[in-house]
PDB file of N, CA and C in Angstrom:
ATOM      1  N   MET A   1     -46.250  -6.023-127.139  1.00  0.00           N
ATOM      2  CA  MET A   1     -45.701  -5.596-125.867  1.00  0.00           C
ATOM      3  C   MET A   1     -46.468  -6.267-124.738  1.00  0.00           C
ATOM      4  N   HIS A   2     -45.826  -6.356-123.644  1.00  0.00           N
ATOM      5  CA  HIS A   2     -46.450  -6.929-122.462  1.00  0.00           C
ATOM      6  C   HIS A   2     -46.149  -6.021-121.281  1.00  0.00           C
ATOM      7  N   PRO A   3     -46.913  -6.179-120.185  1.00  0.00           N
ATOM      8  CA  PRO A   3     -46.655  -5.357-119.001  1.00  0.00           C
ATOM      9  C   PRO A   3     -45.345  -5.774-118.351  1.00  0.00           C
ATOM     10  N   HIS A   4     -44.979  -5.071-117.301  1.00  0.00           N
ATOM     11  CA  HIS A   4     -43.795  -5.458-116.545  1.00  0.00           C
ATOM     12  C   HIS A   4     -43.962  -6.905-116.128  1.00  0.00           C
ATOM     13  N   LEU A   5     -42.930  -7.683-116.316  1.00  0.00           N
ATOM     14  CA  LEU A   5     -43.059  -9.123-116.121  1.00  0.00           C
ATOM     15  C   LEU A   5     -43.008  -9.541-114.662  1.00  0.00           C
ATOM     16  N   HIS A   6     -42.078  -9.042-113.931  1.00  0.00           N
ATOM     17  CA  HIS A   6     -41.848  -9.543-112.576  1.00  0.00           C
ATOM     18  C   HIS A   6     -42.607  -8.707-111.554  1.00  0.00           C
ATOM     19  N   THR A   7     -43.921  -8.952-111.474  1.00  0.00           N
ATOM     20  CA  THR A   7     -44.767  -8.270-110.507  1.00  0.00           C
ATOM     21  C   THR A   7     -45.519  -9.311-109.695  1.00  0.00           C
ATOM     22  N   LYS A   8     -46.189  -8.852-108.650  1.00  0.00           N
ATOM     23  CA  LYS A   8     -46.935  -9.772-107.789  1.00  0.00           C
ATOM     24  C   LYS A   8     -48.096 -10.439-108.526  1.00  0.00           C
ATOM     25  N   ASP A   9     -48.603  -9.799-109.586  1.00  0.00           N
ATOM     26  CA  ASP A   9     -49.729 -10.360-110.328  1.00  0.00           C
ATOM     27  C   ASP A   9     -49.321 -11.473-111.280  1.00  0.00           C
ATOM     28  N   ASN A  10     -48.036 -11.625-111.529  1.00  0.00           N
ATOM     29  CA  ASN A  10     -47.579 -12.595-112.518  1.00  0.00           C
ATOM     30  C   ASN A  10     -46.784 -13.744-111.903  1.00  0.00           C
ATOM     31  N   ARG A  11     -47.050 -14.065-110.672  1.00  0.00           N
ATOM     32  CA  ARG A  11     -46.292 -15.117-109.984  1.00  0.00           C
ATOM     33  C   ARG A  11     -46.421 -16.476-110.676  1.00  0.00           C
ATOM     34  N   GLY A  12     -47.564 -16.749-111.300  1.00  0.00           N
ATOM     35  CA  GLY A  12     -47.782 -18.039-111.937  1.00  0.00           C
ATOM     36  C   GLY A  12     -47.003 -18.219-113.232  1.00  0.00           C
ATOM     37  N   CYS A  13     -46.397 -17.154-113.723  1.00  0.00           N
ATOM     38  CA  CYS A  13     -45.693 -17.212-115.009  1.00  0.00           C
ATOM     39  C   CYS A  13     -44.182 -17.136-114.849  1.00  0.00           C
ATOM     40  N   GLU A  14     -43.691 -17.330-113.658  1.00  0.00           N
ATOM     41  CA  GLU A  14     -42.257 -17.140-113.415  1.00  0.00           C
ATOM     42  C   GLU A  14     -41.384 -18.088-114.245  1.00  0.00           C
ATOM     43  N   GLU A  15     -41.825 -19.328-114.412  1.00  0.00           N
ATOM     44  CA  GLU A  15     -41.016 -20.291-115.168  1.00  0.00           C
ATOM     45  C   GLU A  15     -40.872 -19.886-116.630  1.00  0.00           C
ATOM     46  N   VAL A  16     -41.975 -19.512-117.262  1.00  0.00           N
ATOM     47  CA  VAL A  16     -41.897 -19.134-118.676  1.00  0.00           C
ATOM     48  C   VAL A  16     -41.172 -17.808-118.851  1.00  0.00           C
ATOM     49  N   MET A  17     -41.297 -16.910-117.867  1.00  0.00           N
ATOM     50  CA  MET A  17     -40.557 -15.647-117.935  1.00  0.00           C
ATOM     51  C   MET A  17     -39.061 -15.891-117.789  1.00  0.00           C
ATOM     52  N   ALA A  18     -38.694 -16.848-116.933  1.00  0.00           N
ATOM     53  CA  ALA A  18     -37.278 -17.181-116.769  1.00  0.00           C
ATOM     54  C   ALA A  18     -36.721 -17.776-118.066  1.00  0.00           C
ATOM     55  N   ALA A  19     -37.531 -18.601-118.740  1.00  0.00           N
ATOM     56  CA  ALA A  19     -37.096 -19.180-120.012  1.00  0.00           C
ATOM     57  C   ALA A  19     -36.883 -18.082-121.055  1.00  0.00           C
ATOM     58  N   LEU A  20     -37.757 -17.083-121.062  1.00  0.00           N
ATOM     59  CA  LEU A  20     -37.602 -15.967-121.996  1.00  0.00           C
ATOM     60  C   LEU A  20     -36.360 -15.152-121.653  1.00  0.00           C
ATOM     61  N   ASP A  21     -36.133 -14.906-120.373  1.00  0.00           N
ATOM     62  CA  ASP A  21     -34.931 -14.175-119.952  1.00  0.00           C
ATOM     63  C   ASP A  21     -33.662 -14.925-120.367  1.00  0.00           C
ATOM     64  N   GLU A  22     -33.664 -16.246-120.181  1.00  0.00           N
ATOM     65  CA  GLU A  22     -32.506 -17.049-120.585  1.00  0.00           C
ATOM     66  C   GLU A  22     -32.285 -16.972-122.094  1.00  0.00           C
ATOM     67  N   CYS A  23     -33.363 -17.005-122.840  1.00  0.00           N
ATOM     68  CA  CYS A  23     -33.248 -16.914-124.291  1.00  0.00           C
ATOM     69  C   CYS A  23     -32.673 -15.556-124.693  1.00  0.00           C
ATOM     70  N   HIS A  24     -33.171 -14.498-124.073  1.00  0.00           N
ATOM     71  CA  HIS A  24     -32.670 -13.158-124.382  1.00  0.00           C
ATOM     72  C   HIS A  24     -31.203 -13.004-123.979  1.00  0.00           C
ATOM     73  N   ALA A  25     -30.801 -13.709-122.952  1.00  0.00           N
ATOM     74  CA  ALA A  25     -29.409 -13.621-122.481  1.00  0.00           C
ATOM     75  C   ALA A  25     -28.432 -14.257-123.475  1.00  0.00           C
ATOM     76  N   GLN A  26     -28.930 -15.023-124.416  1.00  0.00           N
ATOM     77  CA  GLN A  26     -28.051 -15.680-125.384  1.00  0.00           C
ATOM     78  C   GLN A  26     -27.517 -14.716-126.429  1.00  0.00           C
ATOM     79  N   GLY A  27     -28.026 -13.514-126.439  1.00  0.00           N
ATOM     80  CA  GLY A  27     -27.453 -12.502-127.330  1.00  0.00           C
ATOM     81  C   GLY A  27     -28.453 -11.879-128.281  1.00  0.00           C
ATOM     82  N   PHE A  28     -28.031 -10.759-128.821  1.00  0.00           N
ATOM     83  CA  PHE A  28     -28.873  -9.972-129.704  1.00  0.00           C
ATOM     84  C   PHE A  28     -29.255 -10.737-130.971  1.00  0.00           C
ATOM     85  N   MET A  29     -28.307 -11.359-131.610  1.00  0.00           N
ATOM     86  CA  MET A  29     -28.590 -12.069-132.857  1.00  0.00           C
ATOM     87  C   MET A  29     -29.541 -13.243-132.639  1.00  0.00           C
ATOM     88  N   HIS A  30     -29.443 -13.865-131.490  1.00  0.00           N
ATOM     89  CA  HIS A  30     -30.342 -14.969-131.157  1.00  0.00           C
ATOM     90  C   HIS A  30     -31.789 -14.461-131.149  1.00  0.00           C
ATOM     91  N   LYS A  31     -31.987 -13.270-130.562  1.00  0.00           N
ATOM     92  CA  LYS A  31     -33.325 -12.679-130.525  1.00  0.00           C
ATOM     93  C   LYS A  31     -33.771 -12.247-131.918  1.00  0.00           C
ATOM     94  N   VAL A  32     -32.874 -11.597-132.637  1.00  0.00           N
ATOM     95  CA  VAL A  32     -33.215 -11.051-133.950  1.00  0.00           C
ATOM     96  C   VAL A  32     -33.634 -12.145-134.924  1.00  0.00           C
ATOM     97  N   LEU A  33     -33.016 -13.277-134.836  1.00  0.00           N
ATOM     98  CA  LEU A  33     -33.330 -14.378-135.751  1.00  0.00           C
ATOM     99  C   LEU A  33     -34.614 -15.112-135.372  1.00  0.00           C
ATOM    100  N   GLY A  34     -35.280 -14.664-134.322  1.00  0.00           N
ATOM    101  CA  GLY A  34     -36.565 -15.238-133.946  1.00  0.00           C
ATOM    102  C   GLY A  34     -36.477 -16.479-133.096  1.00  0.00           C
ATOM    103  N   ASN A  35     -35.327 -16.734-132.522  1.00  0.00           N
ATOM    104  CA  ASN A  35     -35.171 -17.945-131.725  1.00  0.00           C
ATOM    105  C   ASN A  35     -35.879 -17.869-130.375  1.00  0.00           C
ATOM    106  N   CYS A  36     -36.326 -16.683-129.995  1.00  0.00           N
ATOM    107  CA  CYS A  36     -37.033 -16.527-128.717  1.00  0.00           C
ATOM    108  C   CYS A  36     -38.541 -16.378-128.916  1.00  0.00           C
ATOM    109  N   ASN A  37     -39.013 -16.486-130.139  1.00  0.00           N
ATOM    110  CA  ASN A  37     -40.431 -16.267-130.416  1.00  0.00           C
ATOM    111  C   ASN A  37     -41.327 -17.263-129.692  1.00  0.00           C
ATOM    112  N   GLY A  38     -40.907 -18.510-129.618  1.00  0.00           N
ATOM    113  CA  GLY A  38     -41.708 -19.517-128.920  1.00  0.00           C
ATOM    114  C   GLY A  38     -41.843 -19.203-127.443  1.00  0.00           C
ATOM    115  N   ALA A  39     -40.738 -18.819-126.825  1.00  0.00           N
ATOM    116  CA  ALA A  39     -40.767 -18.454-125.402  1.00  0.00           C
ATOM    117  C   ALA A  39     -41.627 -17.213-125.191  1.00  0.00           C
ATOM    118  N   LYS A  40     -41.547 -16.268-126.116  1.00  0.00           N
ATOM    119  CA  LYS A  40     -42.350 -15.040-126.013  1.00  0.00           C
ATOM    120  C   LYS A  40     -43.834 -15.361-126.120  1.00  0.00           C
ATOM    121  N   ARG A  41     -44.198 -16.257-127.029  1.00  0.00           N
ATOM    122  CA  ARG A  41     -45.602 -16.652-127.165  1.00  0.00           C
ATOM    123  C   ARG A  41     -46.106 -17.322-125.888  1.00  0.00           C
ATOM    124  N   GLU A  42     -45.271 -18.149-125.284  1.00  0.00           N
ATOM    125  CA  GLU A  42     -45.662 -18.814-124.031  1.00  0.00           C
ATOM    126  C   GLU A  42     -45.864 -17.789-122.911  1.00  0.00           C
ATOM    127  N   VAL A  43     -44.988 -16.797-122.845  1.00  0.00           N
ATOM    128  CA  VAL A  43     -45.145 -15.738-121.841  1.00  0.00           C
ATOM    129  C   VAL A  43     -46.451 -14.996-122.089  1.00  0.00           C
ATOM    130  N   ASN A  44     -46.732 -14.650-123.338  1.00  0.00           N
ATOM    131  CA  ASN A  44     -47.968 -13.934-123.654  1.00  0.00           C
ATOM    132  C   ASN A  44     -49.199 -14.749-123.282  1.00  0.00           C
ATOM    133  N   LYS A  45     -49.180 -16.062-123.575  1.00  0.00           N
ATOM    134  CA  LYS A  45     -50.319 -16.916-123.218  1.00  0.00           C
ATOM    135  C   LYS A  45     -50.512 -16.968-121.710  1.00  0.00           C
ATOM    136  N   CYS A  46     -49.403 -17.095-120.992  1.00  0.00           N
ATOM    137  CA  CYS A  46     -49.480 -17.177-119.538  1.00  0.00           C
ATOM    138  C   CYS A  46     -49.992 -15.863-118.949  1.00  0.00           C
ATOM    139  N   LEU A  47     -49.457 -14.738-119.432  1.00  0.00           N
ATOM    140  CA  LEU A  47     -49.895 -13.433-118.926  1.00  0.00           C
ATOM    141  C   LEU A  47     -51.366 -13.193-119.240  1.00  0.00           C
ATOM    142  N   ARG A  48     -51.797 -13.628-120.396  1.00  0.00           N
ATOM    143  CA  ARG A  48     -53.216 -13.475-120.763  1.00  0.00           C
ATOM    144  C   ARG A  48     -54.099 -14.278-119.813  1.00  0.00           C
ATOM    145  N   ALA A  49     -53.705 -15.506-119.533  1.00  0.00           N
ATOM    146  CA  ALA A  49     -54.485 -16.343-118.616  1.00  0.00           C
ATOM    147  C   ALA A  49     -54.543 -15.707-117.230  1.00  0.00           C
ATOM    148  N   GLU A  50     -53.420 -15.180-116.769  1.00  0.00           N
ATOM    149  CA  GLU A  50     -53.382 -14.516-115.463  1.00  0.00           C
ATOM    150  C   GLU A  50     -54.314 -13.297-115.458  1.00  0.00           C
ATOM    151  N   ARG A  51     -54.262 -12.521-116.540  1.00  0.00           N
ATOM    152  CA  ARG A  51     -55.087 -11.317-116.621  1.00  0.00           C
ATOM    153  C   ARG A  51     -56.566 -11.681-116.649  1.00  0.00           C
ATOM    154  N   LEU A  52     -56.932 -12.706-117.411  1.00  0.00           N
ATOM    155  CA  LEU A  52     -58.336 -13.118-117.479  1.00  0.00           C
ATOM    156  C   LEU A  52     -58.838 -13.582-116.114  1.00  0.00           C
ATOM    157  N   GLU A  53     -57.999 -14.280-115.399  1.00  0.00           N
ATOM    158  CA  GLU A  53     -58.364 -14.735-114.049  1.00  0.00           C
ATOM    159  C   GLU A  53     -58.570 -13.540-113.118  1.00  0.00           C
ATOM    160  N   ARG A  54     -57.644 -12.578-113.195  1.00  0.00           N
ATOM    161  CA  ARG A  54     -57.737 -11.378-112.370  1.00  0.00           C
ATOM    162  C   ARG A  54     -58.997 -10.571-112.690  1.00  0.00           C
ATOM    163  N   THR A  55     -59.292 -10.402-113.975  1.00  0.00           N
ATOM    164  CA  THR A  55     -60.466  -9.606-114.345  1.00  0.00           C
ATOM    165  C   THR A  55     -61.757 -10.308-113.941  1.00  0.00           C
ATOM    166  N   ALA A  56     -61.785 -11.631-114.011  1.00  0.00           N
ATOM    167  CA  ALA A  56     -62.978 -12.368-113.580  1.00  0.00           C
ATOM    168  C   ALA A  56     -63.217 -12.163-112.084  1.00  0.00           C
ATOM    169  N   LYS A  57     -62.145 -12.221-111.297  1.00  0.00           N
ATOM    170  CA  LYS A  57     -62.277 -11.982-109.855  1.00  0.00           C
ATOM    171  C   LYS A  57     -62.734 -10.554-109.578  1.00  0.00           C
ATOM    172  N   ASN A  58     -62.149  -9.594-110.282  1.00  0.00           N
ATOM    173  CA  ASN A  58     -62.526  -8.191-110.085  1.00  0.00           C
ATOM    174  C   ASN A  58     -63.980  -7.955-110.475  1.00  0.00           C
ATOM    175  N   ARG A  59     -64.412  -8.580-111.567  1.00  0.00           N
ATOM    176  CA  ARG A  59     -65.797  -8.434-112.021  1.00  0.00           C
ATOM    177  C   ARG A  59     -66.755  -8.986-110.971  1.00  0.00           C
ATOM    178  N   GLU A  60     -66.413 -10.132-110.387  1.00  0.00           N
ATOM    179  CA  GLU A  60     -67.264 -10.739-109.357  1.00  0.00           C
ATOM    180  C   GLU A  60     -67.337  -9.840-108.118  1.00  0.00           C
ATOM    181  N   LYS A  61     -66.190  -9.293-107.700  1.00  0.00           N
ATOM    182  CA  LYS A  61     -66.183  -8.381-106.553  1.00  0.00           C
ATOM    183  C   LYS A  61     -67.051  -7.159-106.821  1.00  0.00           C
ATOM    184  N   ALA A  62     -66.937  -6.601-108.018  1.00  0.00           N
ATOM    185  CA  ALA A  62     -67.711  -5.413-108.369  1.00  0.00           C
ATOM    186  C   ALA A  62     -69.205  -5.727-108.369  1.00  0.00           C
ATOM    187  N   LYS A  63     -69.560  -6.906-108.858  1.00  0.00           N
ATOM    188  CA  LYS A  63     -70.966  -7.304-108.886  1.00  0.00           C
ATOM    189  C   LYS A  63     -71.514  -7.427-107.465  1.00  0.00           C
ATOM    190  N   GLU A  64     -70.744  -8.054-106.581  1.00  0.00           N
ATOM    191  CA  GLU A  64     -71.169  -8.199-105.188  1.00  0.00           C
ATOM    192  C   GLU A  64     -71.307  -6.837-104.518  1.00  0.00           C
ATOM    193  N   LYS A  65     -70.362  -5.948-104.780  1.00  0.00           N
ATOM    194  CA  LYS A  65     -70.407  -4.613-104.183  1.00  0.00           C
ATOM    195  C   LYS A  65     -71.622  -3.845-104.683  1.00  0.00           C
ATOM    196  N   LYS A  66     -71.908  -3.941-105.969  1.00  0.00           N
ATOM    197  CA  LYS A  66     -73.059  -3.246-106.547  1.00  0.00           C
ATOM    198  C   LYS A  66     -74.356  -3.759-105.935  1.00  0.00           C
ATOM    199  N   GLU A  67     -74.469  -5.086-105.785  1.00  0.00           N
ATOM    200  CA  GLU A  67     -75.668  -5.670-105.182  1.00  0.00           C
ATOM    201  C   GLU A  67     -75.837  -5.219-103.738  1.00  0.00           C
ATOM    202  N   ARG A  68     -74.719  -5.177-103.003  1.00  0.00           N
ATOM    203  CA  ARG A  68     -74.779  -4.730-101.608  1.00  0.00           C
ATOM    204  C   ARG A  68     -75.238  -3.276-101.532  1.00  0.00           C
ATOM    205  N   ILE A  69     -74.710  -2.426-102.395  1.00  0.00           N
ATOM    206  CA  ILE A  69     -75.092  -1.010-102.395  1.00  0.00           C
ATOM    207  C   ILE A  69     -76.563  -0.869-102.757  1.00  0.00           C
ATOM    208  N   GLN A  70     -77.033  -1.641-103.724  1.00  0.00           N
ATOM    209  CA  GLN A  70     -78.444  -1.574-104.102  1.00  0.00           C
ATOM    210  C   GLN A  70     -79.349  -2.004-102.951  1.00  0.00           C
ATOM    211  N   ARG A  71     -78.934  -3.033-102.198  1.00  0.00           N
ATOM    212  CA  ARG A  71     -79.722  -3.471-101.034  1.00  0.00           C
ATOM    213  C   ARG A  71     -79.791  -2.376 -99.989  1.00  0.00           C
ATOM    214  N   VAL A  72     -78.653  -1.726 -99.726  1.00  0.00           N
ATOM    215  CA  VAL A  72     -78.621  -0.671 -98.721  1.00  0.00           C
ATOM    216  C   VAL A  72     -79.522   0.474 -99.139  1.00  0.00           C
ATOM    217  N   TRP A  73     -79.458   0.887-100.403  1.00  0.00           N
ATOM    218  CA  TRP A  73     -80.310   1.981-100.865  1.00  0.00           C
ATOM    219  C   TRP A  73     -81.768   1.588-100.823  1.00  0.00           C
ATOM    220  N   LYS A  74     -82.091   0.333-101.113  1.00  0.00           N
ATOM    221  CA  LYS A  74     -83.467  -0.131-101.064  1.00  0.00           C
ATOM    222  C   LYS A  74     -83.975  -0.063 -99.625  1.00  0.00           C
ATOM    223  N   GLU A  75     -83.136  -0.472 -98.665  1.00  0.00           N
ATOM    224  CA  GLU A  75     -83.517  -0.388 -97.254  1.00  0.00           C
ATOM    225  C   GLU A  75     -83.728   1.063 -96.836  1.00  0.00           C
ATOM    226  N   ILE A  76     -82.868   1.943 -97.279  1.00  0.00           N
ATOM    227  CA  ILE A  76     -82.996   3.357 -96.940  1.00  0.00           C
ATOM    228  C   ILE A  76     -84.291   3.912 -97.518  1.00  0.00           C
ATOM    229  N   ASP A  77     -84.608   3.563 -98.756  1.00  0.00           N
ATOM    230  CA  ASP A  77     -85.858   4.039 -99.376  1.00  0.00           C
ATOM    231  C   ASP A  77     -87.081   3.511 -98.663  1.00  0.00           C
ATOM    232  N   GLU A  78     -87.042   2.251 -98.214  1.00  0.00           N
ATOM    233  CA  GLU A  78     -88.192   1.654 -97.510  1.00  0.00           C
ATOM    234  C   GLU A  78     -88.388   2.295 -96.145  1.00  0.00           C
ATOM    235  N   GLU A  79     -87.329   2.701 -95.482  1.00  0.00           N
ATOM    236  CA  GLU A  79     -87.417   3.299 -94.153  1.00  0.00           C
ATOM    237  C   GLU A  79     -87.847   4.752 -94.221  1.00  0.00           C
ATOM    238  N   SER A  80     -87.697   5.383 -95.365  1.00  0.00           N
ATOM    239  CA  SER A  80     -88.034   6.811 -95.489  1.00  0.00           C
ATOM    240  C   SER A  80     -89.509   7.038 -95.598  1.00  0.00           C
TER     241      SER A  80
END
């Protein structure tokens, strides 16, 4: 399973998602026979790359915030 496809976080994967949508539009039997598996794998790879990029940015922000908070508390302790 994958998250909702058409969100603001997945803008970089629109082409591969469109290819998957087109494949699914070809009918139920087309999907059942595995003809969309390649497109699905490409969507999964793209979504994974997007998620890894997002988590790396979030991790960096959290690290900066933690360091800033530690500096503020250190200043407060020194002034006390």
